[in-house]
PDB file of N, CA and C in Angstrom:
ATOM      1  N   UNK A   1      34.452-218.271 126.695  1.00  0.00           N
ATOM      2  CA  UNK A   1      34.929-217.449 127.787  1.00  0.00           C
ATOM      3  C   UNK A   1      34.793-215.985 127.399  1.00  0.00           C
ATOM      4  N   UNK A   2      34.359-215.194 128.311  1.00  0.00           N
ATOM      5  CA  UNK A   2      34.228-213.760 128.097  1.00  0.00           C
ATOM      6  C   UNK A   2      35.054-213.015 129.130  1.00  0.00           C
ATOM      7  N   UNK A   3      35.850-212.073 128.654  1.00  0.00           N
ATOM      8  CA  UNK A   3      36.633-211.222 129.536  1.00  0.00           C
ATOM      9  C   UNK A   3      36.408-209.785 129.087  1.00  0.00           C
ATOM     10  N   UNK A   4      36.189-208.897 130.026  1.00  0.00           N
ATOM     11  CA  UNK A   4      35.847-207.524 129.665  1.00  0.00           C
ATOM     12  C   UNK A   4      36.615-206.514 130.504  1.00  0.00           C
ATOM     13  N   UNK A   5      37.115-205.483 129.840  1.00  0.00           N
ATOM     14  CA  UNK A   5      37.627-204.285 130.497  1.00  0.00           C
ATOM     15  C   UNK A   5      36.643-203.195 130.110  1.00  0.00           C
ATOM     16  N   UNK A   6      36.158-202.454 131.061  1.00  0.00           N
ATOM     17  CA  UNK A   6      35.200-201.404 130.762  1.00  0.00           C
ATOM     18  C   UNK A   6      35.897-200.295 129.976  1.00  0.00           C
ATOM     19  N   UNK A   7      35.567-200.140 128.682  1.00  0.00           N
ATOM     20  CA  UNK A   7      36.246-199.126 127.877  1.00  0.00           C
ATOM     21  C   UNK A   7      36.027-197.709 128.377  1.00  0.00           C
ATOM     22  N   UNK A   8      34.940-197.481 129.117  1.00  0.00           N
ATOM     23  CA  UNK A   8      34.689-196.138 129.630  1.00  0.00           C
ATOM     24  C   UNK A   8      35.689-195.741 130.708  1.00  0.00           C
ATOM     25  N   UNK A   9      36.341-196.724 131.324  1.00  0.00           N
ATOM     26  CA  UNK A   9      37.333-196.410 132.351  1.00  0.00           C
ATOM     27  C   UNK A   9      38.708-196.153 131.747  1.00  0.00           C
ATOM     28  N   UNK A  10      38.856-196.400 130.453  1.00  0.00           N
ATOM     29  CA  UNK A  10      40.131-196.171 129.780  1.00  0.00           C
ATOM     30  C   UNK A  10      40.123-194.791 129.138  1.00  0.00           C
ATOM     31  N   UNK A  11      40.932-193.911 129.654  1.00  0.00           N
ATOM     32  CA  UNK A  11      41.056-192.588 129.044  1.00  0.00           C
ATOM     33  C   UNK A  11      41.955-192.701 127.818  1.00  0.00           C
ATOM     34  N   UNK A  12      41.912-191.707 126.973  1.00  0.00           N
ATOM     35  CA  UNK A  12      42.800-191.682 125.816  1.00  0.00           C
ATOM     36  C   UNK A  12      44.255-191.754 126.236  1.00  0.00           C
ATOM     37  N   UNK A  13      44.574-191.116 127.351  1.00  0.00           N
ATOM     38  CA  UNK A  13      45.942-191.133 127.873  1.00  0.00           C
ATOM     39  C   UNK A  13      46.347-192.549 128.286  1.00  0.00           C
ATOM     40  N   UNK A  14      45.443-193.276 128.944  1.00  0.00           N
ATOM     41  CA  UNK A  14      45.736-194.645 129.384  1.00  0.00           C
ATOM     42  C   UNK A  14      45.892-195.575 128.180  1.00  0.00           C
ATOM     43  N   UNK A  15      45.077-195.391 127.157  1.00  0.00           N
ATOM     44  CA  UNK A  15      45.198-196.207 125.948  1.00  0.00           C
ATOM     45  C   UNK A  15      46.549-195.963 125.293  1.00  0.00           C
ATOM     46  N   UNK A  16      46.960-194.706 125.201  1.00  0.00           N
ATOM     47  CA  UNK A  16      48.273-194.387 124.632  1.00  0.00           C
ATOM     48  C   UNK A  16      49.392-195.004 125.460  1.00  0.00           C
ATOM     49  N   UNK A  17      49.237-194.994 126.783  1.00  0.00           N
ATOM     50  CA  UNK A  17      50.236-195.607 127.658  1.00  0.00           C
ATOM     51  C   UNK A  17      50.324-197.113 127.403  1.00  0.00           C
ATOM     52  N   UNK A  18      49.187-197.776 127.272  1.00  0.00           N
ATOM     53  CA  UNK A  18      49.178-199.214 126.995  1.00  0.00           C
ATOM     54  C   UNK A  18      49.792-199.517 125.629  1.00  0.00           C
ATOM     55  N   UNK A  19      49.526-198.667 124.641  1.00  0.00           N
ATOM     56  CA  UNK A  19      50.124-198.845 123.318  1.00  0.00           C
ATOM     57  C   UNK A  19      51.638-198.695 123.381  1.00  0.00           C
ATOM     58  N   UNK A  20      52.119-197.741 124.158  1.00  0.00           N
ATOM     59  CA  UNK A  20      53.558-197.536 124.310  1.00  0.00           C
ATOM     60  C   UNK A  20      54.204-198.738 124.986  1.00  0.00           C
ATOM     61  N   UNK A  21      53.589-199.241 126.041  1.00  0.00           N
ATOM     62  CA  UNK A  21      54.117-200.412 126.748  1.00  0.00           C
ATOM     63  C   UNK A  21      54.180-201.610 125.805  1.00  0.00           C
ATOM     64  N   UNK A  22      53.099-201.831 125.068  1.00  0.00           N
ATOM     65  CA  UNK A  22      53.069-202.952 124.125  1.00  0.00           C
ATOM     66  C   UNK A  22      54.137-202.783 123.052  1.00  0.00           C
ATOM     67  N   UNK A  23      54.266-201.577 122.521  1.00  0.00           N
ATOM     68  CA  UNK A  23      55.272-201.316 121.497  1.00  0.00           C
ATOM     69  C   UNK A  23      56.692-201.530 121.985  1.00  0.00           C
ATOM     70  N   UNK A  24      56.919-201.276 123.256  1.00  0.00           N
ATOM     71  CA  UNK A  24      58.254-201.450 123.827  1.00  0.00           C
ATOM     72  C   UNK A  24      58.581-202.904 124.144  1.00  0.00           C
ATOM     73  N   UNK A  25      57.553-203.736 124.348  1.00  0.00           N
ATOM     74  CA  UNK A  25      57.809-205.080 124.866  1.00  0.00           C
ATOM     75  C   UNK A  25      57.306-206.234 124.009  1.00  0.00           C
ATOM     76  N   UNK A  26      56.428-205.976 123.071  1.00  0.00           N
ATOM     77  CA  UNK A  26      55.889-207.067 122.259  1.00  0.00           C
ATOM     78  C   UNK A  26      56.831-207.421 121.124  1.00  0.00           C
ATOM     79  N   UNK A  27      56.823-208.693 120.741  1.00  0.00           N
ATOM     80  CA  UNK A  27      57.560-209.153 119.571  1.00  0.00           C
ATOM     81  C   UNK A  27      56.551-209.755 118.605  1.00  0.00           C
ATOM     82  N   UNK A  28      56.327-209.076 117.505  1.00  0.00           N
ATOM     83  CA  UNK A  28      55.403-209.566 116.486  1.00  0.00           C
ATOM     84  C   UNK A  28      56.236-210.206 115.388  1.00  0.00           C
ATOM     85  N   UNK A  29      56.250-211.523 115.349  1.00  0.00           N
ATOM     86  CA  UNK A  29      57.169-212.245 114.477  1.00  0.00           C
ATOM     87  C   UNK A  29      56.814-212.177 112.997  1.00  0.00           C
ATOM     88  N   UNK A  30      55.586-211.861 112.645  1.00  0.00           N
ATOM     89  CA  UNK A  30      55.169-211.946 111.248  1.00  0.00           C
ATOM     90  C   UNK A  30      55.154-210.601 110.519  1.00  0.00           C
ATOM     91  N   UNK A  31      55.509-209.512 111.188  1.00  0.00           N
ATOM     92  CA  UNK A  31      55.456-208.193 110.549  1.00  0.00           C
ATOM     93  C   UNK A  31      56.679-207.360 110.930  1.00  0.00           C
ATOM     94  N   UNK A  32      56.952-206.363 110.124  1.00  0.00           N
ATOM     95  CA  UNK A  32      58.016-205.424 110.432  1.00  0.00           C
ATOM     96  C   UNK A  32      57.556-204.510 111.562  1.00  0.00           C
ATOM     97  N   UNK A  33      58.447-204.192 112.481  1.00  0.00           N
ATOM     98  CA  UNK A  33      58.081-203.397 113.659  1.00  0.00           C
ATOM     99  C   UNK A  33      57.483-202.045 113.281  1.00  0.00           C
ATOM    100  N   UNK A  34      57.991-201.410 112.242  1.00  0.00           N
ATOM    101  CA  UNK A  34      57.471-200.093 111.864  1.00  0.00           C
ATOM    102  C   UNK A  34      56.073-200.169 111.254  1.00  0.00           C
ATOM    103  N   UNK A  35      55.670-201.362 110.801  1.00  0.00           N
ATOM    104  CA  UNK A  35      54.339-201.525 110.221  1.00  0.00           C
ATOM    105  C   UNK A  35      53.251-201.537 111.278  1.00  0.00           C
ATOM    106  N   UNK A  36      53.546-201.994 112.474  1.00  0.00           N
ATOM    107  CA  UNK A  36      52.496-202.121 113.490  1.00  0.00           C
ATOM    108  C   UNK A  36      52.661-201.201 114.685  1.00  0.00           C
ATOM    109  N   UNK A  37      53.834-200.685 114.908  1.00  0.00           N
ATOM    110  CA  UNK A  37      54.069-199.881 116.112  1.00  0.00           C
ATOM    111  C   UNK A  37      53.118-198.688 116.218  1.00  0.00           C
ATOM    112  N   UNK A  38      52.816-198.018 115.152  1.00  0.00           N
ATOM    113  CA  UNK A  38      51.933-196.860 115.204  1.00  0.00           C
ATOM    114  C   UNK A  38      50.454-197.212 115.125  1.00  0.00           C
ATOM    115  N   UNK A  39      50.151-198.497 114.997  1.00  0.00           N
ATOM    116  CA  UNK A  39      48.758-198.903 114.805  1.00  0.00           C
ATOM    117  C   UNK A  39      48.369-200.012 115.780  1.00  0.00           C
ATOM    118  N   UNK A  40      48.820-199.921 117.018  1.00  0.00           N
ATOM    119  CA  UNK A  40      48.504-200.955 118.005  1.00  0.00           C
ATOM    120  C   UNK A  40      47.073-200.815 118.492  1.00  0.00           C
ATOM    121  N   UNK A  41      46.394-201.933 118.599  1.00  0.00           N
ATOM    122  CA  UNK A  41      45.017-201.957 119.092  1.00  0.00           C
ATOM    123  C   UNK A  41      45.029-202.341 120.565  1.00  0.00           C
ATOM    124  N   UNK A  42      44.155-201.743 121.341  1.00  0.00           N
ATOM    125  CA  UNK A  42      43.952-202.127 122.738  1.00  0.00           C
ATOM    126  C   UNK A  42      42.619-202.859 122.785  1.00  0.00           C
ATOM    127  N   UNK A  43      42.695-204.161 123.034  1.00  0.00           N
ATOM    128  CA  UNK A  43      41.482-204.982 123.078  1.00  0.00           C
ATOM    129  C   UNK A  43      40.914-204.965 124.490  1.00  0.00           C
ATOM    130  N   UNK A  44      39.626-204.690 124.589  1.00  0.00           N
ATOM    131  CA  UNK A  44      38.996-204.526 125.897  1.00  0.00           C
ATOM    132  C   UNK A  44      37.960-205.601 126.196  1.00  0.00           C
ATOM    133  N   UNK A  45      37.595-206.368 125.191  1.00  0.00           N
ATOM    134  CA  UNK A  45      36.547-207.358 125.403  1.00  0.00           C
ATOM    135  C   UNK A  45      36.736-208.506 124.428  1.00  0.00           C
ATOM    136  N   UNK A  46      36.437-209.699 124.882  1.00  0.00           N
ATOM    137  CA  UNK A  46      36.460-210.866 124.021  1.00  0.00           C
ATOM    138  C   UNK A  46      35.319-211.793 124.363  1.00  0.00           C
ATOM    139  N   UNK A  47      34.711-212.357 123.334  1.00  0.00           N
ATOM    140  CA  UNK A  47      33.648-213.337 123.550  1.00  0.00           C
ATOM    141  C   UNK A  47      33.709-214.344 122.411  1.00  0.00           C
ATOM    142  N   UNK A  48      33.989-215.598 122.767  1.00  0.00           N
ATOM    143  CA  UNK A  48      34.129-216.617 121.735  1.00  0.00           C
ATOM    144  C   UNK A  48      35.276-216.255 120.805  1.00  0.00           C
ATOM    145  N   UNK A  49      34.989-216.180 119.510  1.00  0.00           N
ATOM    146  CA  UNK A  49      36.027-215.868 118.526  1.00  0.00           C
ATOM    147  C   UNK A  49      36.120-214.377 118.220  1.00  0.00           C
ATOM    148  N   UNK A  50      35.326-213.553 118.904  1.00  0.00           N
ATOM    149  CA  UNK A  50      35.293-212.118 118.632  1.00  0.00           C
ATOM    150  C   UNK A  50      36.007-211.328 119.719  1.00  0.00           C
ATOM    151  N   UNK A  51      36.761-210.317 119.302  1.00  0.00           N
ATOM    152  CA  UNK A  51      37.410-209.387 120.225  1.00  0.00           C
ATOM    153  C   UNK A  51      37.017-207.972 119.820  1.00  0.00           C
ATOM    154  N   UNK A  52      37.009-207.072 120.798  1.00  0.00           N
ATOM    155  CA  UNK A  52      36.599-205.691 120.541  1.00  0.00           C
ATOM    156  C   UNK A  52      37.665-204.738 121.057  1.00  0.00           C
ATOM    157  N   UNK A  53      37.967-203.713 120.267  1.00  0.00           N
ATOM    158  CA  UNK A  53      38.979-202.735 120.640  1.00  0.00           C
ATOM    159  C   UNK A  53      38.376-201.639 121.502  1.00  0.00           C
ATOM    160  N   UNK A  54      39.243-200.849 122.111  1.00  0.00           N
ATOM    161  CA  UNK A  54      38.801-199.746 122.965  1.00  0.00           C
ATOM    162  C   UNK A  54      37.977-198.729 122.187  1.00  0.00           C
ATOM    163  N   UNK A  55      38.211-198.630 120.880  1.00  0.00           N
ATOM    164  CA  UNK A  55      37.431-197.681 120.074  1.00  0.00           C
ATOM    165  C   UNK A  55      36.211-198.324 119.412  1.00  0.00           C
ATOM    166  N   UNK A  56      35.844-199.546 119.847  1.00  0.00           N
ATOM    167  CA  UNK A  56      34.600-200.168 119.413  1.00  0.00           C
ATOM    168  C   UNK A  56      34.672-201.034 118.175  1.00  0.00           C
ATOM    169  N   UNK A  57      35.842-201.204 117.584  1.00  0.00           N
ATOM    170  CA  UNK A  57      35.961-202.071 116.416  1.00  0.00           C
ATOM    171  C   UNK A  57      35.873-203.532 116.852  1.00  0.00           C
ATOM    172  N   UNK A  58      35.208-204.349 116.053  1.00  0.00           N
ATOM    173  CA  UNK A  58      35.043-205.770 116.360  1.00  0.00           C
ATOM    174  C   UNK A  58      35.846-206.575 115.344  1.00  0.00           C
ATOM    175  N   UNK A  59      36.647-207.534 115.838  1.00  0.00           N
ATOM    176  CA  UNK A  59      37.507-208.332 114.972  1.00  0.00           C
ATOM    177  C   UNK A  59      37.323-209.813 115.254  1.00  0.00           C
ATOM    178  N   UNK A  60      37.409-210.621 114.206  1.00  0.00           N
ATOM    179  CA  UNK A  60      37.426-212.063 114.345  1.00  0.00           C
ATOM    180  C   UNK A  60      38.827-212.470 114.758  1.00  0.00           C
ATOM    181  N   UNK A  61      38.956-213.175 115.871  1.00  0.00           N
ATOM    182  CA  UNK A  61      40.269-213.605 116.362  1.00  0.00           C
ATOM    183  C   UNK A  61      40.663-214.898 115.652  1.00  0.00           C
ATOM    184  N   UNK A  62      40.988-214.774 114.371  1.00  0.00           N
ATOM    185  CA  UNK A  62      41.288-215.936 113.539  1.00  0.00           C
ATOM    186  C   UNK A  62      42.621-216.586 113.895  1.00  0.00           C
ATOM    187  N   UNK A  63      43.519-215.868 114.536  1.00  0.00           N
ATOM    188  CA  UNK A  63      44.835-216.419 114.874  1.00  0.00           C
ATOM    189  C   UNK A  63      44.839-217.193 116.182  1.00  0.00           C
ATOM    190  N   UNK A  64      43.803-217.055 116.993  1.00  0.00           N
ATOM    191  CA  UNK A  64      43.795-217.647 118.331  1.00  0.00           C
ATOM    192  C   UNK A  64      44.019-219.149 118.312  1.00  0.00           C
ATOM    193  N   UNK A  65      43.449-219.851 117.371  1.00  0.00           N
ATOM    194  CA  UNK A  65      43.572-221.303 117.336  1.00  0.00           C
ATOM    195  C   UNK A  65      44.739-221.809 116.518  1.00  0.00           C
ATOM    196  N   UNK A  66      45.530-220.925 115.948  1.00  0.00           N
ATOM    197  CA  UNK A  66      46.593-221.343 115.043  1.00  0.00           C
ATOM    198  C   UNK A  66      47.601-222.269 115.696  1.00  0.00           C
ATOM    199  N   UNK A  67      47.978-221.989 116.920  1.00  0.00           N
ATOM    200  CA  UNK A  67      48.970-222.811 117.599  1.00  0.00           C
ATOM    201  C   UNK A  67      48.341-223.764 118.604  1.00  0.00           C
ATOM    202  N   UNK A  68      47.026-223.882 118.562  1.00  0.00           N
ATOM    203  CA  UNK A  68      46.313-224.740 119.504  1.00  0.00           C
ATOM    204  C   UNK A  68      46.576-226.214 119.234  1.00  0.00           C
ATOM    205  N   UNK A  69      46.611-226.627 117.989  1.00  0.00           N
ATOM    206  CA  UNK A  69      46.750-228.034 117.650  1.00  0.00           C
ATOM    207  C   UNK A  69      47.506-228.171 116.346  1.00  0.00           C
ATOM    208  N   UNK A  70      48.394-229.148 116.299  1.00  0.00           N
ATOM    209  CA  UNK A  70      49.100-229.450 115.055  1.00  0.00           C
ATOM    210  C   UNK A  70      48.193-230.294 114.168  1.00  0.00           C
ATOM    211  N   UNK A  71      48.210-229.980 112.911  1.00  0.00           N
ATOM    212  CA  UNK A  71      47.381-230.768 111.982  1.00  0.00           C
ATOM    213  C   UNK A  71      48.250-231.404 110.927  1.00  0.00           C
TER     214      UNK A  71
END
């Protein structure tokens, strides 16, 4: 499955707004809040196991299948 947000339509201001919203509402159970709050990524595209941030970084979504099936 591929889902895309056009990164060119995201201004720096909009990215900061999305980071603020995420920081106010997300619960990251595996890390301390101060460790990730200032370093939130805005993902704009995903294809297969790869996701891409608004600033063009590409990451392997290794956590996506973690809760998919009990082994």
